[in-house]
C-alpha atoms as a PDB file:
ATOM      1  CA  ALA A   1      99.328 109.373  91.322  1.00  0.00           C
ATOM      2  CA  ASN A   2      98.314 112.666  89.866  1.00  0.00           C
ATOM      3  CA  TYR A   3      95.207 114.359  91.221  1.00  0.00           C
ATOM      4  CA  GLU A   4      93.979 117.851  90.449  1.00  0.00           C
ATOM      5  CA  GLY A   5      97.443 119.040  89.625  1.00  0.00           C
ATOM      6  CA  ARG A   6      99.192 117.625  92.606  1.00  0.00           C
ATOM      7  CA  VAL A   7     101.773 114.994  91.634  1.00  0.00           C
ATOM      8  CA  GLU A   8     102.678 112.226  94.175  1.00  0.00           C
ATOM      9  CA  LYS A   9     106.411 112.256  93.038  1.00  0.00           C
ATOM     10  CA  ASP A  10     106.949 115.676  94.255  1.00  0.00           C
ATOM     11  CA  ASP A  11     105.602 115.036  97.436  1.00  0.00           C
ATOM     12  CA  ASN A  12     107.670 111.649  97.972  1.00  0.00           C
ATOM     13  CA  LEU A  13     110.818 113.385  97.123  1.00  0.00           C
ATOM     14  CA  ALA A  14     110.448 116.480  99.431  1.00  0.00           C
ATOM     15  CA  MET A  15     109.373 114.200 102.280  1.00  0.00           C
ATOM     16  CA  THR A  16     112.160 111.808 101.645  1.00  0.00           C
ATOM     17  CA  LEU A  17     114.754 114.377 101.622  1.00  0.00           C
ATOM     18  CA  GLU A  18     113.521 116.107 104.673  1.00  0.00           C
ATOM     19  CA  VAL A  19     113.249 112.794 106.684  1.00  0.00           C
ATOM     20  CA  GLY A  20     116.740 112.019 105.462  1.00  0.00           C
ATOM     21  CA  ARG A  21     118.140 115.370 106.515  1.00  0.00           C
ATOM     22  CA  LEU A  22     116.786 114.729 109.961  1.00  0.00           C
ATOM     23  CA  LEU A  23     118.099 111.317 110.336  1.00  0.00           C
ATOM     24  CA  GLU A  24     121.602 112.623 109.129  1.00  0.00           C
ATOM     25  CA  GLU A  25     121.229 115.184 111.736  1.00  0.00           C
ATOM     26  CA  ALA A  26     120.680 112.425 114.223  1.00  0.00           C
ATOM     27  CA  GLY A  27     124.088 110.683 113.120  1.00  0.00           C
ATOM     28  CA  PHE A  28     122.734 108.265 110.659  1.00  0.00           C
ATOM     29  CA  ASP A  29     124.226 107.721 107.201  1.00  0.00           C
ATOM     30  CA  VAL A  30     121.674 108.092 104.632  1.00  0.00           C
ATOM     31  CA  VAL A  31     121.633 106.906 101.276  1.00  0.00           C
ATOM     32  CA  TYR A  32     119.014 108.095  98.847  1.00  0.00           C
ATOM     33  CA  THR A  33     117.956 106.181  95.796  1.00  0.00           C
ATOM     34  CA  ARG A  34     117.174 109.761  94.044  1.00  0.00           C
ATOM     35  CA  GLU A  35     118.009 113.199  95.442  1.00  0.00           C
ATOM     36  CA  GLU A  36     116.356 115.047  92.136  1.00  0.00           C
ATOM     37  CA  ASP A  37     113.294 114.422  89.886  1.00  0.00           C
ATOM     38  CA  ILE A  38     114.427 111.565  88.011  1.00  0.00           C
ATOM     39  CA  TYR A  39     112.715 108.099  87.640  1.00  0.00           C
ATOM     40  CA  GLN A  40     114.119 105.162  89.582  1.00  0.00           C
ATOM     41  CA  ALA A  41     112.480 101.803  88.841  1.00  0.00           C
ATOM     42  CA  PRO A  42     111.586  99.765  91.913  1.00  0.00           C
ATOM     43  CA  PHE A  43     114.095  97.125  90.626  1.00  0.00           C
ATOM     44  CA  ARG A  44     116.886  99.947  90.608  1.00  0.00           C
ATOM     45  CA  LYS A  45     115.953 100.889  94.145  1.00  0.00           C
ATOM     46  CA  ALA A  46     116.054  97.481  95.336  1.00  0.00           C
ATOM     47  CA  THR A  47     119.445  96.947  93.690  1.00  0.00           C
ATOM     48  CA  ILE A  48     120.844 100.217  95.554  1.00  0.00           C
ATOM     49  CA  ALA A  49     119.656  98.842  98.827  1.00  0.00           C
ATOM     50  CA  ASN A  50     120.980  95.513  98.379  1.00  0.00           C
ATOM     51  CA  GLU A  51     124.461  96.629  97.187  1.00  0.00           C
ATOM     52  CA  LEU A  52     124.954  98.991 100.138  1.00  0.00           C
ATOM     53  CA  GLY A  53     123.156  97.047 102.805  1.00  0.00           C
ATOM     54  CA  GLY A  54     122.183  98.937 105.671  1.00  0.00           C
ATOM     55  CA  ASP A  55     119.697  98.642 108.588  1.00  0.00           C
ATOM     56  CA  LEU A  56     116.506  99.794 106.910  1.00  0.00           C
ATOM     57  CA  PHE A  57     115.133 100.583 103.576  1.00  0.00           C
ATOM     58  CA  VAL A  58     112.404 103.025 103.680  1.00  0.00           C
ATOM     59  CA  SER A  59     110.243 104.007 100.624  1.00  0.00           C
ATOM     60  CA  ILE A  60     107.805 107.166 101.034  1.00  0.00           C
ATOM     61  CA  HIS A  61     104.727 107.512  98.911  1.00  0.00           C
ATOM     62  CA  CYS A  62     101.214 108.926  98.801  1.00  0.00           C
ATOM     63  CA  ASN A  63      98.175 106.644  98.418  1.00  0.00           C
ATOM     64  CA  TYR A  64      95.174 106.996  96.109  1.00  0.00           C
ATOM     65  CA  PHE A  65      91.837 105.130  96.383  1.00  0.00           C
ATOM     66  CA  GLU A  66      89.864 105.740  93.241  1.00  0.00           C
ATOM     67  CA  ASP A  67      86.643 104.101  94.521  1.00  0.00           C
ATOM     68  CA  ASP A  68      86.167 105.890  97.796  1.00  0.00           C
ATOM     69  CA  ASP A  69      87.360 109.408  98.288  1.00  0.00           C
ATOM     70  CA  SER A  70      86.557 109.387 101.930  1.00  0.00           C
ATOM     71  CA  VAL A  71      89.341 106.812 102.903  1.00  0.00           C
ATOM     72  CA  SER A  72      92.213 108.533 104.762  1.00  0.00           C
ATOM     73  CA  GLY A  73      95.202 107.790 107.056  1.00  0.00           C
ATOM     74  CA  LEU A  74      98.894 106.887 106.741  1.00  0.00           C
ATOM     75  CA  GLU A  75      99.682 103.141 106.126  1.00  0.00           C
ATOM     76  CA  ILE A  76     103.026 101.289 106.319  1.00  0.00           C
ATOM     77  CA  TYR A  77     103.741  98.205 104.278  1.00  0.00           C
ATOM     78  CA  TYR A  78     106.135  95.506 104.812  1.00  0.00           C
ATOM     79  CA  TYR A  79     106.558  92.234 102.605  1.00  0.00           C
ATOM     80  CA  THR A  80     105.162  89.002 103.976  1.00  0.00           C
ATOM     81  CA  GLY A  81     107.755  87.128 105.638  1.00  0.00           C
ATOM     82  CA  ASP A  82     110.150  90.091 106.107  1.00  0.00           C
ATOM     83  CA  GLU A  83     110.250  89.970 109.934  1.00  0.00           C
ATOM     84  CA  GLY A  84     112.325  93.029 110.285  1.00  0.00           C
ATOM     85  CA  GLY A  85     110.246  94.835 107.985  1.00  0.00           C
ATOM     86  CA  GLN A  86     107.104  93.898 109.628  1.00  0.00           C
ATOM     87  CA  ALA A  87     108.546  94.746 113.173  1.00  0.00           C
ATOM     88  CA  CYS A  88     109.675  98.143 111.757  1.00  0.00           C
ATOM     89  CA  ALA A  89     106.203  98.806 110.281  1.00  0.00           C
ATOM     90  CA  GLU A  90     104.271  97.865 113.626  1.00  0.00           C
ATOM     91  CA  SER A  91     106.915  99.982 115.529  1.00  0.00           C
ATOM     92  CA  MET A  92     106.501 102.865 113.503  1.00  0.00           C
ATOM     93  CA  ILE A  93     102.668 102.779 113.529  1.00  0.00           C
ATOM     94  CA  GLU A  94     102.715 102.373 117.251  1.00  0.00           C
ATOM     95  CA  TYR A  95     104.864 105.619 117.552  1.00  0.00           C
ATOM     96  CA  LEU A  96     102.939 107.648 114.983  1.00  0.00           C
ATOM     97  CA  LYS A  97      99.693 106.744 116.545  1.00  0.00           C
ATOM     98  CA  LYS A  98     100.587 108.784 119.661  1.00  0.00           C
ATOM     99  CA  ASN A  99     100.249 112.034 117.583  1.00  0.00           C
ATOM    100  CA  GLU A 100      96.726 112.868 117.225  1.00  0.00           C
ATOM    101  CA  ASP A 101      97.536 115.331 114.394  1.00  0.00           C
ATOM    102  CA  ILE A 102      98.300 112.495 112.177  1.00  0.00           C
ATOM    103  CA  LYS A 103      95.472 109.936 111.204  1.00  0.00           C
ATOM    104  CA  VAL A 104      97.167 106.520 111.163  1.00  0.00           C
ATOM    105  CA  ARG A 105      95.795 103.458 109.819  1.00  0.00           C
ATOM    106  CA  SER A 106      97.944 100.207 110.183  1.00  0.00           C
ATOM    107  CA  ALA A 107     100.798  98.069 109.184  1.00  0.00           C
ATOM    108  CA  LYS A 108      99.921  95.851 106.361  1.00  0.00           C
ATOM    109  CA  HIS A 109     101.726  93.364 104.166  1.00  0.00           C
ATOM    110  CA  GLY A 110     102.036  94.277 100.745  1.00  0.00           C
ATOM    111  CA  GLU A 111     103.360  92.700  97.673  1.00  0.00           C
ATOM    112  CA  TYR A 112     105.158  95.722  96.247  1.00  0.00           C
ATOM    113  CA  TYR A 113     108.289  94.932  94.208  1.00  0.00           C
ATOM    114  CA  VAL A 114     110.607  97.214  96.030  1.00  0.00           C
ATOM    115  CA  LEU A 115     109.740  95.448  99.455  1.00  0.00           C
ATOM    116  CA  LYS A 116     109.856  91.766  97.899  1.00  0.00           C
ATOM    117  CA  PHE A 117     113.399  92.270  96.408  1.00  0.00           C
ATOM    118  CA  THR A 118     114.966  94.334  99.090  1.00  0.00           C
ATOM    119  CA  GLU A 119     117.273  91.969 101.091  1.00  0.00           C
ATOM    120  CA  ILE A 120     117.291  94.141 104.356  1.00  0.00           C
ATOM    121  CA  PRO A 121     114.346  95.198 106.553  1.00  0.00           C
ATOM    122  CA  SER A 122     112.078  97.271 104.187  1.00  0.00           C
ATOM    123  CA  VAL A 123     108.961  99.506 104.727  1.00  0.00           C
ATOM    124  CA  LEU A 124     106.831 101.474 102.244  1.00  0.00           C
ATOM    125  CA  VAL A 125     105.123 104.524 104.075  1.00  0.00           C
ATOM    126  CA  GLU A 126     102.072 105.876 102.409  1.00  0.00           C
ATOM    127  CA  MET A 127     101.827 109.366 104.000  1.00  0.00           C
ATOM    128  CA  GLY A 128      97.862 109.696 103.191  1.00  0.00           C
ATOM    129  CA  PHE A 129      95.481 109.688 100.282  1.00  0.00           C
ATOM    130  CA  LEU A 130      95.524 112.120  97.608  1.00  0.00           C
ATOM    131  CA  SER A 131      92.109 110.964  96.725  1.00  0.00           C
ATOM    132  CA  ASN A 132      90.883 112.445 100.019  1.00  0.00           C
ATOM    133  CA  LYS A 133      90.458 116.102  99.783  1.00  0.00           C
ATOM    134  CA  ALA A 134      90.977 116.922 103.432  1.00  0.00           C
ATOM    135  CA  GLU A 135      94.126 114.903 103.537  1.00  0.00           C
ATOM    136  CA  ARG A 136      95.375 116.437 100.209  1.00  0.00           C
ATOM    137  CA  GLU A 137      95.137 119.823 101.910  1.00  0.00           C
ATOM    138  CA  LYS A 138      96.853 118.801 104.856  1.00  0.00           C
ATOM    139  CA  LEU A 139      99.723 117.237 102.828  1.00  0.00           C
ATOM    140  CA  ASP A 140      99.896 120.545 101.033  1.00  0.00           C
ATOM    141  CA  SER A 141     100.477 122.407 104.411  1.00  0.00           C
ATOM    142  CA  GLU A 142     104.150 123.243 105.216  1.00  0.00           C
ATOM    143  CA  ALA A 143     103.416 122.792 109.031  1.00  0.00           C
ATOM    144  CA  TYR A 144     101.836 119.298 108.231  1.00  0.00           C
ATOM    145  CA  GLN A 145     104.693 118.288 105.940  1.00  0.00           C
ATOM    146  CA  LYS A 146     107.314 119.276 108.817  1.00  0.00           C
ATOM    147  CA  LEU A 147     105.416 117.591 111.538  1.00  0.00           C
ATOM    148  CA  LEU A 148     104.984 114.365 109.333  1.00  0.00           C
ATOM    149  CA  ALA A 149     108.872 114.583 108.517  1.00  0.00           C
ATOM    150  CA  GLU A 150     109.801 114.796 112.189  1.00  0.00           C
ATOM    151  CA  GLU A 151     107.396 112.087 113.462  1.00  0.00           C
ATOM    152  CA  LEU A 152     108.457 109.721 110.586  1.00  0.00           C
ATOM    153  CA  SER A 153     112.157 110.462 111.277  1.00  0.00           C
ATOM    154  CA  GLU A 154     111.442 110.000 114.996  1.00  0.00           C
ATOM    155  CA  ALA A 155     109.625 106.666 114.195  1.00  0.00           C
ATOM    156  CA  VAL A 156     112.444 105.287 112.297  1.00  0.00           C
ATOM    157  CA  LEU A 157     114.899 106.367 114.929  1.00  0.00           C
ATOM    158  CA  GLN A 158     112.902 104.650 117.516  1.00  0.00           C
ATOM    159  CA  TYR A 159     112.860 101.253 115.470  1.00  0.00           C
ATOM    160  CA  LEU A 160     116.477 101.440 114.943  1.00  0.00           C
ATOM    161  CA  LYS A 161     117.193 101.908 118.531  1.00  0.00           C
ATOM    162  CA  GLU A 162     114.794  99.075 119.461  1.00  0.00           C
ATOM    163  CA  SER A 163     116.380  96.874 116.929  1.00  0.00           C
ATOM    164  CA  THR A 164     119.989  97.821 118.033  1.00  0.00           C
ATOM    165  CA  LYS A 165     119.003  96.996 121.633  1.00  0.00           C
ATOM    166  CA  GLN A 166     117.331  93.756 120.702  1.00  0.00           C
ATOM    167  CA  LYS A 167     120.596  92.606 118.427  1.00  0.00           C
ATOM    168  CA  THR A 168     122.800  93.662 121.632  1.00  0.00           C
ATOM    169  CA  GLU A 169     120.724  91.727 123.960  1.00  0.00           C
ATOM    170  CA  GLU A 170     120.649  88.721 121.643  1.00  0.00           C
ATOM    171  CA  SER A 171     124.442  89.021 121.266  1.00  0.00           C
ATOM    172  CA  ILE A 172     124.952  89.195 125.066  1.00  0.00           C
ATOM    173  CA  LYS A 173     122.664  86.107 125.510  1.00  0.00           C
ATOM    174  CA  THR A 174     124.574  84.015 122.781  1.00  0.00           C
ATOM    175  CA  VAL A 175     127.879  84.957 124.522  1.00  0.00           C
ATOM    176  CA  ALA A 176     126.406  84.151 128.011  1.00  0.00           C
ATOM    177  CA  GLU A 177     125.110  80.589 126.857  1.00  0.00           C
END
């Protein structure tokens, strides 16, 4: 999306790098599909995720709704049938709703290519709507960008901790049976 000189890809890359940095500081290995302003097709992103494996694939974007510029809020998409992606999206949404400075909409199923063809749990985060003037201005604020990066990374960390705990409990249960 490109709106009044604001280019979504620039926001996406900056947020991805910052969220990744925060996750790395927390001790996680982060693999990026791009670290500079180059185009990576959705097929290539899914291929990278599938080749490297991992616990979670997160794709970060900005939304745009041409028909109604009053629509705003962060949304997280998962592919229908991806139970891990759905659990992650719902967990992240619940975590993010706790912060009143971030308008949060919902977790939704989406038929995005990168979600459909990624074999690990995957989510697509829409940080906000560039078509909404107030949200566009928030997304342009360094303070809001910092807050959003911190909250997104914490939401991912919370999901990964929940997921690991559940896997451990299931493993213990299996061994005990």
